N, C-alpha and C. Protein backbone atom coordinates (compact mmCIF):
# COMPACT_ATOMS: atom_id res chain seq x y z
N MET A 1 -118.38 13.24 -78.01
CA MET A 1 -117.85 14.31 -77.23
C MET A 1 -117.88 13.89 -75.76
N ALA A 2 -118.77 12.90 -75.35
CA ALA A 2 -118.70 12.47 -74.04
C ALA A 2 -117.36 11.85 -73.74
N LYS A 3 -116.82 11.08 -74.88
CA LYS A 3 -115.54 10.37 -74.57
C LYS A 3 -114.49 11.49 -74.40
N LYS A 4 -114.48 12.54 -75.28
CA LYS A 4 -113.48 13.54 -75.05
C LYS A 4 -113.68 14.24 -73.76
N ASP A 5 -114.87 14.50 -73.26
CA ASP A 5 -114.95 15.21 -71.88
C ASP A 5 -114.41 14.16 -70.80
N ASN A 6 -114.71 12.93 -70.94
CA ASN A 6 -114.12 11.88 -69.91
C ASN A 6 -112.66 11.99 -69.95
N LYS A 7 -112.22 11.98 -71.25
CA LYS A 7 -110.67 11.95 -71.40
C LYS A 7 -110.09 13.37 -70.67
N GLN A 8 -110.56 14.33 -70.87
CA GLN A 8 -110.34 15.64 -70.38
C GLN A 8 -110.35 15.46 -68.81
N ASN A 9 -111.51 14.99 -68.28
CA ASN A 9 -111.64 14.87 -67.05
C ASN A 9 -110.71 13.89 -66.18
N GLU A 10 -110.38 12.82 -67.04
CA GLU A 10 -109.31 11.80 -66.57
C GLU A 10 -108.00 12.67 -66.53
N GLU A 11 -107.69 13.35 -67.55
CA GLU A 11 -106.39 14.10 -67.66
C GLU A 11 -106.33 15.18 -66.37
N VAL A 12 -107.53 15.89 -66.17
CA VAL A 12 -107.47 16.79 -65.03
C VAL A 12 -107.35 16.05 -63.72
N ILE A 13 -108.04 14.82 -63.58
CA ILE A 13 -107.93 14.09 -62.36
C ILE A 13 -106.41 13.59 -62.15
N ASP A 14 -105.86 13.35 -63.25
CA ASP A 14 -104.48 12.83 -63.27
C ASP A 14 -103.58 13.95 -62.88
N GLU A 15 -103.74 15.10 -63.45
CA GLU A 15 -103.02 16.27 -63.07
C GLU A 15 -103.11 16.70 -61.43
N ASN A 16 -104.38 16.51 -61.07
CA ASN A 16 -104.68 16.77 -59.50
C ASN A 16 -104.01 15.96 -58.58
N ILE A 17 -103.97 14.65 -59.21
CA ILE A 17 -103.38 13.64 -58.28
C ILE A 17 -101.72 13.92 -58.27
N ASN A 18 -101.29 14.09 -59.56
CA ASN A 18 -99.83 14.52 -59.67
C ASN A 18 -99.59 15.85 -58.86
N ALA A 19 -100.38 16.70 -58.87
CA ALA A 19 -100.15 17.93 -58.15
C ALA A 19 -100.23 17.65 -56.78
N GLU A 20 -101.22 16.70 -56.19
CA GLU A 20 -101.38 16.43 -54.85
C GLU A 20 -100.06 15.63 -54.46
N GLU A 21 -99.59 14.71 -55.19
CA GLU A 21 -98.24 13.93 -55.01
C GLU A 21 -97.13 14.94 -54.80
N THR A 22 -97.13 15.90 -55.67
CA THR A 22 -95.99 16.93 -55.64
C THR A 22 -96.15 17.64 -54.38
N VAL A 23 -97.32 17.95 -54.01
CA VAL A 23 -97.58 18.78 -52.83
C VAL A 23 -97.02 17.86 -51.59
N THR A 24 -97.53 16.67 -51.66
CA THR A 24 -97.23 15.74 -50.56
C THR A 24 -95.77 15.42 -50.50
N ASP A 25 -95.16 15.48 -51.75
CA ASP A 25 -93.70 15.28 -51.78
C ASP A 25 -92.96 16.39 -51.24
N THR A 26 -93.53 17.67 -51.44
CA THR A 26 -92.98 18.94 -51.19
C THR A 26 -93.12 19.06 -49.61
N ASN A 27 -94.25 18.61 -49.09
CA ASN A 27 -94.51 18.77 -47.59
C ASN A 27 -93.42 17.77 -46.76
N ALA A 28 -93.49 16.58 -47.43
CA ALA A 28 -92.52 15.54 -46.79
C ALA A 28 -91.03 16.15 -46.78
N GLU A 29 -90.74 16.89 -47.97
CA GLU A 29 -89.38 17.34 -48.12
C GLU A 29 -89.13 18.60 -47.00
N GLU A 30 -90.16 19.29 -46.92
CA GLU A 30 -90.18 20.39 -46.02
C GLU A 30 -90.01 19.94 -44.58
N GLN A 31 -90.78 18.82 -44.34
CA GLN A 31 -90.68 18.33 -42.98
C GLN A 31 -89.38 17.74 -42.59
N GLN A 32 -88.80 17.05 -43.74
CA GLN A 32 -87.47 16.51 -43.57
C GLN A 32 -86.45 17.54 -43.31
N VAL A 33 -86.63 18.84 -44.11
CA VAL A 33 -85.68 19.92 -43.92
C VAL A 33 -85.70 20.52 -42.56
N GLU A 34 -86.97 20.63 -42.16
CA GLU A 34 -87.30 21.15 -40.71
C GLU A 34 -86.69 20.17 -39.66
N ALA A 35 -86.85 18.92 -40.00
CA ALA A 35 -86.21 17.99 -38.85
C ALA A 35 -84.67 18.06 -38.90
N GLU A 36 -84.15 18.30 -40.02
CA GLU A 36 -82.70 18.42 -40.13
C GLU A 36 -82.18 19.67 -39.58
N ALA A 37 -82.94 20.68 -39.74
CA ALA A 37 -82.64 22.06 -39.27
C ALA A 37 -82.79 22.09 -37.67
N GLY A 38 -83.70 21.45 -37.21
CA GLY A 38 -83.98 21.13 -35.68
C GLY A 38 -82.78 20.28 -35.01
N SER A 39 -82.42 19.34 -35.86
CA SER A 39 -81.24 18.44 -35.44
C SER A 39 -80.01 19.34 -35.46
N THR A 40 -79.78 20.11 -36.42
CA THR A 40 -78.58 20.98 -36.62
C THR A 40 -78.52 22.09 -35.41
N ASN A 41 -79.98 22.61 -35.24
CA ASN A 41 -80.02 23.58 -34.08
C ASN A 41 -79.49 22.93 -32.78
N ASN A 42 -80.06 21.74 -32.42
CA ASN A 42 -79.52 20.86 -31.30
C ASN A 42 -78.15 20.63 -31.16
N GLU A 43 -77.43 20.32 -32.24
CA GLU A 43 -76.02 20.15 -32.36
C GLU A 43 -75.28 21.47 -31.96
N VAL A 44 -75.74 22.45 -32.76
CA VAL A 44 -75.16 23.85 -32.53
C VAL A 44 -75.31 24.06 -30.87
N GLN A 45 -76.47 24.01 -30.22
CA GLN A 45 -76.69 24.35 -29.03
C GLN A 45 -75.73 23.48 -28.12
N GLN A 46 -75.63 22.17 -28.46
CA GLN A 46 -74.79 21.23 -27.72
C GLN A 46 -73.15 21.75 -27.88
N ILE A 47 -72.85 22.16 -28.95
CA ILE A 47 -71.46 22.59 -29.10
C ILE A 47 -71.23 23.90 -28.45
N LYS A 48 -72.26 24.72 -28.54
CA LYS A 48 -72.21 25.97 -27.63
C LYS A 48 -72.02 25.69 -26.21
N ASP A 49 -72.81 24.74 -25.62
CA ASP A 49 -72.81 24.34 -24.31
C ASP A 49 -71.37 23.72 -23.79
N LYS A 50 -70.95 22.95 -24.78
CA LYS A 50 -69.45 22.42 -24.49
C LYS A 50 -68.48 23.42 -24.43
N TYR A 51 -68.59 24.37 -25.45
CA TYR A 51 -67.70 25.60 -25.51
C TYR A 51 -67.66 26.28 -24.21
N LEU A 52 -68.94 26.61 -23.76
CA LEU A 52 -69.05 27.53 -22.50
C LEU A 52 -68.51 26.76 -21.21
N ARG A 53 -68.69 25.49 -21.21
CA ARG A 53 -68.12 24.60 -20.12
C ARG A 53 -66.65 24.69 -20.19
N LEU A 54 -66.01 24.40 -21.50
CA LEU A 54 -64.69 24.43 -21.54
C LEU A 54 -64.01 25.80 -21.18
N PHE A 55 -64.61 26.83 -21.69
CA PHE A 55 -64.17 28.19 -21.40
C PHE A 55 -64.16 28.40 -19.88
N SER A 56 -65.27 28.00 -19.22
CA SER A 56 -65.35 28.11 -17.81
C SER A 56 -64.35 27.38 -17.10
N ASP A 57 -64.22 26.11 -17.47
CA ASP A 57 -63.13 25.26 -16.78
C ASP A 57 -61.78 25.87 -16.98
N PHE A 58 -61.41 26.45 -18.19
CA PHE A 58 -60.19 26.95 -18.48
C PHE A 58 -59.89 28.32 -17.46
N GLU A 59 -60.91 29.19 -17.41
CA GLU A 59 -60.97 30.40 -16.73
C GLU A 59 -60.78 30.01 -15.10
N ASN A 60 -61.38 28.93 -14.73
CA ASN A 60 -61.12 28.35 -13.25
C ASN A 60 -59.74 27.96 -13.03
N TYR A 61 -59.23 27.22 -14.22
CA TYR A 61 -57.81 26.67 -14.18
C TYR A 61 -56.79 27.86 -14.12
N LYS A 62 -57.11 28.96 -14.83
CA LYS A 62 -56.26 30.08 -14.75
C LYS A 62 -56.20 30.64 -13.37
N LYS A 63 -57.35 30.91 -12.81
CA LYS A 63 -57.45 31.58 -11.46
C LYS A 63 -56.85 30.73 -10.40
N ARG A 64 -56.97 29.26 -10.47
CA ARG A 64 -56.39 28.57 -9.48
C ARG A 64 -54.81 28.43 -9.60
N THR A 65 -54.42 28.48 -10.93
CA THR A 65 -52.88 28.33 -10.87
C THR A 65 -52.35 29.70 -10.53
N ALA A 66 -53.05 30.73 -10.82
CA ALA A 66 -52.55 32.04 -10.57
C ALA A 66 -52.37 32.30 -8.93
N LYS A 67 -53.41 31.73 -8.30
CA LYS A 67 -53.52 31.77 -6.91
C LYS A 67 -52.32 30.82 -6.39
N GLU A 68 -52.14 29.66 -6.77
CA GLU A 68 -51.23 28.76 -6.32
C GLU A 68 -49.76 29.30 -6.54
N THR A 69 -49.56 29.97 -7.71
CA THR A 69 -48.36 30.60 -7.89
C THR A 69 -47.98 31.66 -6.87
N LEU A 70 -49.13 32.55 -6.60
CA LEU A 70 -48.95 33.59 -5.66
C LEU A 70 -48.53 32.98 -4.25
N GLU A 71 -49.35 31.96 -3.94
CA GLU A 71 -49.01 31.37 -2.58
C GLU A 71 -47.53 30.77 -2.46
N LEU A 72 -47.24 30.12 -3.64
CA LEU A 72 -45.89 29.56 -3.66
C LEU A 72 -44.81 30.55 -3.46
N ARG A 73 -45.02 31.77 -4.25
CA ARG A 73 -44.07 32.90 -3.95
C ARG A 73 -44.01 33.52 -2.60
N ARG A 74 -45.29 33.37 -2.06
CA ARG A 74 -45.22 33.93 -0.70
C ARG A 74 -44.44 32.97 0.36
N THR A 75 -44.57 31.81 0.09
CA THR A 75 -43.92 30.91 1.10
C THR A 75 -42.68 30.07 0.47
N ALA A 76 -42.13 30.63 -0.48
CA ALA A 76 -41.06 30.03 -1.24
C ALA A 76 -39.87 30.17 -0.19
N SER A 77 -39.77 31.11 0.59
CA SER A 77 -38.60 31.38 1.36
C SER A 77 -38.73 30.81 2.77
N LYS A 78 -39.82 29.89 2.81
CA LYS A 78 -40.10 29.27 4.17
C LYS A 78 -38.84 28.35 4.73
N ASP A 79 -38.14 27.60 3.79
CA ASP A 79 -36.95 26.72 4.03
C ASP A 79 -35.91 27.74 4.65
N VAL A 80 -35.54 28.77 3.83
CA VAL A 80 -34.55 29.68 4.13
C VAL A 80 -34.76 30.35 5.67
N MET A 81 -36.00 30.87 5.93
CA MET A 81 -36.42 31.35 7.10
C MET A 81 -36.35 30.32 8.27
N MET A 82 -36.73 29.08 7.99
CA MET A 82 -36.52 27.95 8.97
C MET A 82 -35.03 27.84 9.31
N ALA A 83 -34.24 27.86 8.31
CA ALA A 83 -32.73 27.70 8.68
C ALA A 83 -32.20 29.04 9.38
N ILE A 84 -32.67 30.10 9.28
CA ILE A 84 -32.11 31.34 9.88
C ILE A 84 -32.65 31.55 11.28
N ILE A 85 -33.96 31.01 11.61
CA ILE A 85 -34.51 31.21 12.80
C ILE A 85 -33.61 30.76 14.03
N PRO A 86 -32.97 29.68 13.95
CA PRO A 86 -32.00 29.33 15.13
C PRO A 86 -30.87 30.32 15.29
N VAL A 87 -30.47 31.09 14.20
CA VAL A 87 -29.43 32.19 14.36
C VAL A 87 -30.11 33.28 15.13
N LEU A 88 -31.33 33.63 14.88
CA LEU A 88 -32.04 34.69 15.76
C LEU A 88 -32.26 34.23 17.13
N ASP A 89 -32.41 32.97 17.35
CA ASP A 89 -32.49 32.40 18.86
C ASP A 89 -31.31 32.65 19.44
N ASP A 90 -30.06 32.24 18.82
CA ASP A 90 -28.89 32.54 19.36
C ASP A 90 -28.63 33.89 19.70
N PHE A 91 -29.01 34.89 18.76
CA PHE A 91 -28.75 36.21 19.09
C PHE A 91 -29.52 36.62 20.30
N GLU A 92 -30.83 36.24 20.34
CA GLU A 92 -31.60 36.49 21.45
C GLU A 92 -31.06 35.99 22.83
N ARG A 93 -30.64 34.81 22.75
CA ARG A 93 -30.00 34.27 24.04
C ARG A 93 -28.78 35.04 24.39
N ALA A 94 -27.95 35.32 23.50
CA ALA A 94 -26.63 36.15 23.76
C ALA A 94 -27.09 37.36 24.44
N ARG A 95 -28.12 38.04 23.91
CA ARG A 95 -28.65 39.43 24.45
C ARG A 95 -29.19 39.33 25.79
N GLN A 96 -29.82 38.27 25.98
CA GLN A 96 -30.48 37.90 27.42
C GLN A 96 -29.25 37.85 28.49
N ASN A 97 -28.31 36.92 28.08
CA ASN A 97 -27.22 36.72 28.98
C ASN A 97 -26.38 37.96 29.14
N ALA A 98 -26.18 38.78 28.14
CA ALA A 98 -25.43 40.07 28.43
C ALA A 98 -26.19 41.07 29.28
N ALA A 99 -27.64 40.86 29.36
CA ALA A 99 -28.46 41.83 30.08
C ALA A 99 -28.48 41.44 31.63
N LYS A 100 -28.07 40.24 32.01
CA LYS A 100 -27.84 39.83 33.30
C LYS A 100 -26.90 40.57 34.09
N ASP A 101 -27.14 40.77 35.40
CA ASP A 101 -26.28 41.75 36.23
C ASP A 101 -24.91 41.03 36.50
N ASN A 102 -25.08 39.62 36.83
CA ASN A 102 -23.90 39.09 37.34
C ASN A 102 -23.06 38.29 36.33
N THR A 103 -23.00 38.82 35.08
CA THR A 103 -22.32 38.08 33.85
C THR A 103 -21.25 39.10 33.31
N GLU A 104 -20.25 38.47 32.84
CA GLU A 104 -19.14 39.13 32.14
C GLU A 104 -19.36 39.33 30.81
N GLU A 105 -20.52 38.65 30.17
CA GLU A 105 -20.87 38.51 28.81
C GLU A 105 -21.23 40.10 28.34
N THR A 106 -20.84 40.45 27.18
CA THR A 106 -21.29 41.71 26.66
C THR A 106 -21.90 41.51 25.29
N PHE A 107 -22.91 42.44 25.02
CA PHE A 107 -23.46 42.33 23.69
C PHE A 107 -23.21 43.71 23.00
N SER A 108 -22.27 43.84 22.36
CA SER A 108 -21.55 45.05 21.92
C SER A 108 -22.71 45.61 20.90
N GLU A 109 -22.49 47.01 20.79
CA GLU A 109 -23.22 47.77 19.85
C GLU A 109 -23.18 47.26 18.39
N GLY A 110 -22.10 46.81 18.08
CA GLY A 110 -21.97 46.26 16.54
C GLY A 110 -22.78 45.17 16.37
N VAL A 111 -22.74 44.26 17.38
CA VAL A 111 -23.51 43.02 17.27
C VAL A 111 -24.88 43.18 17.28
N GLN A 112 -25.40 44.31 18.00
CA GLN A 112 -26.76 44.73 18.17
C GLN A 112 -27.31 45.17 16.80
N LEU A 113 -26.33 45.96 16.21
CA LEU A 113 -26.75 46.58 14.87
C LEU A 113 -26.85 45.47 13.83
N VAL A 114 -25.86 44.53 13.79
CA VAL A 114 -26.05 43.32 12.90
C VAL A 114 -27.43 42.59 13.08
N TYR A 115 -27.68 42.39 14.36
CA TYR A 115 -28.88 41.63 14.74
C TYR A 115 -30.17 42.41 14.21
N ASP A 116 -30.04 43.82 14.50
CA ASP A 116 -31.19 44.55 14.14
C ASP A 116 -31.45 44.49 12.65
N LYS A 117 -30.30 44.67 12.04
CA LYS A 117 -30.37 44.67 10.43
C LYS A 117 -30.84 43.34 9.80
N LEU A 118 -30.36 42.22 10.48
CA LEU A 118 -30.81 40.83 9.95
C LEU A 118 -32.33 40.81 10.31
N PHE A 119 -32.71 41.06 11.41
CA PHE A 119 -34.25 40.93 11.80
C PHE A 119 -35.09 41.76 10.99
N LYS A 120 -34.79 43.04 10.62
CA LYS A 120 -35.44 43.95 9.80
C LYS A 120 -35.47 43.50 8.32
N THR A 121 -34.43 42.84 7.87
CA THR A 121 -34.47 42.40 6.65
C THR A 121 -35.42 41.13 6.54
N LEU A 122 -35.41 40.36 7.48
CA LEU A 122 -36.22 39.21 7.39
C LEU A 122 -37.76 39.61 7.62
N GLN A 123 -38.00 40.67 8.29
CA GLN A 123 -39.28 41.22 8.50
C GLN A 123 -39.87 41.82 7.11
N SER A 124 -38.87 42.28 6.39
CA SER A 124 -39.33 42.87 5.14
C SER A 124 -39.66 41.87 4.08
N LYS A 125 -39.34 40.63 4.42
CA LYS A 125 -39.74 39.43 3.67
C LYS A 125 -40.84 38.78 4.20
N GLY A 126 -41.28 39.08 5.19
CA GLY A 126 -42.59 38.64 5.82
C GLY A 126 -42.46 38.03 7.09
N LEU A 127 -41.42 37.81 7.72
CA LEU A 127 -41.09 36.90 8.88
C LEU A 127 -41.56 37.96 10.18
N GLU A 128 -42.45 37.43 10.99
CA GLU A 128 -42.91 38.05 12.12
C GLU A 128 -42.53 37.32 13.34
N MET A 129 -42.19 37.79 14.32
CA MET A 129 -42.11 37.18 15.67
C MET A 129 -43.41 37.32 16.47
N MET A 130 -43.92 36.14 17.03
CA MET A 130 -45.09 36.19 17.71
C MET A 130 -44.96 36.70 19.18
N LYS A 131 -46.05 37.57 19.58
CA LYS A 131 -45.97 38.13 20.92
C LYS A 131 -46.39 37.08 21.87
N THR A 132 -45.72 36.63 22.84
CA THR A 132 -46.30 35.61 23.82
C THR A 132 -46.29 35.93 25.29
N THR A 133 -45.25 36.46 25.90
CA THR A 133 -45.21 36.60 27.27
C THR A 133 -46.27 37.58 27.69
N GLY A 134 -47.20 37.15 28.64
CA GLY A 134 -48.28 37.99 29.09
C GLY A 134 -49.56 37.59 28.41
N GLU A 135 -49.44 37.00 27.24
CA GLU A 135 -50.73 36.69 26.44
C GLU A 135 -51.44 35.42 26.95
N VAL A 136 -52.68 35.47 26.62
CA VAL A 136 -53.57 34.22 26.90
C VAL A 136 -53.09 32.90 26.09
N PHE A 137 -52.76 31.75 26.96
CA PHE A 137 -52.32 30.58 26.09
C PHE A 137 -53.33 30.16 25.01
N ASP A 138 -52.77 30.03 23.83
CA ASP A 138 -53.72 29.42 22.73
C ASP A 138 -53.02 28.32 22.19
N SER A 139 -53.51 27.09 22.23
CA SER A 139 -52.98 25.89 21.61
C SER A 139 -52.81 25.94 20.07
N GLU A 140 -53.44 26.74 19.40
CA GLU A 140 -53.30 26.98 18.09
C GLU A 140 -52.07 27.67 17.78
N LEU A 141 -51.51 28.44 18.63
CA LEU A 141 -50.28 29.27 18.44
C LEU A 141 -49.18 28.90 19.23
N HIS A 142 -49.45 28.50 20.44
CA HIS A 142 -48.29 27.99 21.34
C HIS A 142 -48.15 26.60 21.78
N GLU A 143 -47.02 26.24 22.07
CA GLU A 143 -46.79 24.90 22.49
C GLU A 143 -46.40 24.93 24.02
N ALA A 144 -47.19 24.47 24.88
CA ALA A 144 -46.74 24.53 26.31
C ALA A 144 -45.77 23.50 26.67
N ILE A 145 -44.72 24.00 27.17
CA ILE A 145 -43.61 23.02 27.57
C ILE A 145 -43.84 22.56 29.03
N THR A 146 -44.36 23.58 29.76
CA THR A 146 -44.60 23.09 31.32
C THR A 146 -45.68 24.11 31.92
N LYS A 147 -46.17 23.80 33.03
CA LYS A 147 -46.90 24.72 33.84
C LYS A 147 -46.54 24.87 35.07
N ILE A 148 -46.53 26.18 35.47
CA ILE A 148 -46.00 26.60 36.79
C ILE A 148 -47.12 27.18 37.50
N PRO A 149 -47.07 27.24 38.88
CA PRO A 149 -48.07 28.04 39.60
C PRO A 149 -47.97 29.45 39.33
N ALA A 150 -49.07 30.20 39.01
CA ALA A 150 -49.11 31.74 38.51
C ALA A 150 -48.76 32.58 39.77
N PRO A 151 -47.80 33.48 39.45
CA PRO A 151 -47.37 34.42 40.37
C PRO A 151 -48.38 35.22 40.95
N THR A 152 -49.48 35.68 40.06
CA THR A 152 -50.68 36.34 40.53
C THR A 152 -51.91 35.71 40.04
N PRO A 153 -53.05 35.84 40.63
CA PRO A 153 -54.29 35.23 40.00
C PRO A 153 -54.63 35.62 38.69
N GLU A 154 -54.25 36.88 38.30
CA GLU A 154 -54.73 37.37 36.89
C GLU A 154 -53.74 36.62 35.91
N MET A 155 -52.71 35.96 36.18
CA MET A 155 -51.71 35.25 35.23
C MET A 155 -52.13 33.94 34.93
N LYS A 156 -53.14 33.37 35.80
CA LYS A 156 -53.66 31.94 35.44
C LYS A 156 -54.21 31.82 33.98
N GLY A 157 -53.60 30.84 33.31
CA GLY A 157 -54.04 30.63 31.94
C GLY A 157 -53.17 31.49 31.02
N LYS A 158 -52.33 32.18 31.48
CA LYS A 158 -51.51 33.19 30.62
C LYS A 158 -50.10 32.74 30.60
N ILE A 159 -49.35 33.13 29.59
CA ILE A 159 -47.97 32.67 29.36
C ILE A 159 -47.06 33.47 30.26
N ILE A 160 -46.36 32.76 31.11
CA ILE A 160 -45.31 33.28 32.00
C ILE A 160 -43.93 33.66 31.40
N ASP A 161 -43.57 32.70 30.73
CA ASP A 161 -42.29 32.78 30.08
C ASP A 161 -42.26 31.92 28.81
N THR A 162 -41.39 32.61 27.83
CA THR A 162 -41.28 32.19 26.54
C THR A 162 -39.87 31.47 26.49
N ILE A 163 -39.94 30.17 26.03
CA ILE A 163 -38.67 29.41 26.01
C ILE A 163 -38.09 29.60 24.54
N GLU A 164 -38.94 29.39 23.33
CA GLU A 164 -38.58 29.62 22.09
C GLU A 164 -39.66 30.63 21.52
N PHE A 165 -39.33 31.62 20.74
CA PHE A 165 -40.22 32.46 20.16
C PHE A 165 -40.84 31.69 18.95
N GLY A 166 -42.04 32.07 18.80
CA GLY A 166 -42.76 31.54 17.45
C GLY A 166 -42.60 32.53 16.43
N TYR A 167 -42.87 31.97 15.15
CA TYR A 167 -42.67 32.95 14.11
C TYR A 167 -43.61 32.62 13.05
N THR A 168 -44.13 33.87 12.34
CA THR A 168 -45.10 33.53 11.24
C THR A 168 -44.35 34.09 9.96
N LEU A 169 -44.63 33.36 8.96
CA LEU A 169 -44.26 33.82 7.50
C LEU A 169 -45.46 34.23 6.76
N ASN A 170 -45.65 35.49 6.43
CA ASN A 170 -46.73 36.04 5.63
C ASN A 170 -48.14 35.45 6.26
N ASP A 171 -48.30 35.60 7.59
CA ASP A 171 -49.33 35.38 8.40
C ASP A 171 -49.59 33.68 8.46
N GLN A 172 -48.67 32.96 8.01
CA GLN A 172 -48.69 31.56 8.30
C GLN A 172 -47.65 31.17 9.29
N ILE A 173 -48.10 30.30 10.32
CA ILE A 173 -47.25 29.85 11.40
C ILE A 173 -46.12 28.90 10.73
N ILE A 174 -44.88 29.32 10.89
CA ILE A 174 -43.88 28.35 10.54
C ILE A 174 -43.14 27.73 11.63
N ARG A 175 -43.34 28.37 12.85
CA ARG A 175 -42.77 27.62 14.07
C ARG A 175 -43.71 28.16 15.21
N TYR A 176 -44.21 27.14 15.91
CA TYR A 176 -44.98 27.60 17.23
C TYR A 176 -44.01 27.96 18.42
N ALA A 177 -44.69 28.84 19.20
CA ALA A 177 -43.84 29.35 20.28
C ALA A 177 -43.88 28.41 21.33
N LYS A 178 -42.71 28.10 22.10
CA LYS A 178 -42.57 27.09 23.24
C LYS A 178 -42.66 27.98 24.45
N VAL A 179 -43.65 27.84 25.27
CA VAL A 179 -43.93 28.61 26.31
C VAL A 179 -44.15 27.99 27.69
N VAL A 180 -44.11 28.70 28.75
CA VAL A 180 -44.46 28.23 30.23
C VAL A 180 -45.65 28.85 30.66
N VAL A 181 -46.74 28.13 30.92
CA VAL A 181 -48.13 28.67 31.22
C VAL A 181 -48.18 28.60 32.78
N GLY A 182 -48.80 29.69 33.29
CA GLY A 182 -49.33 29.73 34.66
C GLY A 182 -50.56 29.07 34.82
N GLU A 183 -50.72 28.35 36.12
CA GLU A 183 -51.89 27.60 36.44
C GLU A 183 -52.30 27.94 37.80
């Protein structure tokens, strides 16, 4: 009987060893599954991060292109305005010559209406004439052609006369005013 008990004990021990090996194998498999799950979670997190960065870059691109398109539309007429400004200068010179007392030149009412209509149309498109005469000289806005003695002390450093008017298009300078400054 002792042999039978030994055999049973050996069988129980073998079963315990097999059970421990199974548990060890199960633990190893669980650890491997957990490691793979952790690796998968890292990959998912990296993919989410890449997606968020790509989405953010695309949103920035959309905003930048919308801003550039808006700016392009605002200044698209710059070349046309630059071509028309000399015509406005000629109108202004003709009007100034007609206003002189000792001239035979006239600036008819019809020409004045055409000038006013042209100028108002250009203003509606964003063109503005800079105010210069009597203003303080600013090298960011004005180009000094010459300096002359100021007629009064308060005119020192101010614009005495405007040779060519400056213009802005939608608050951007497209031509600097050419002026005479008092010193």
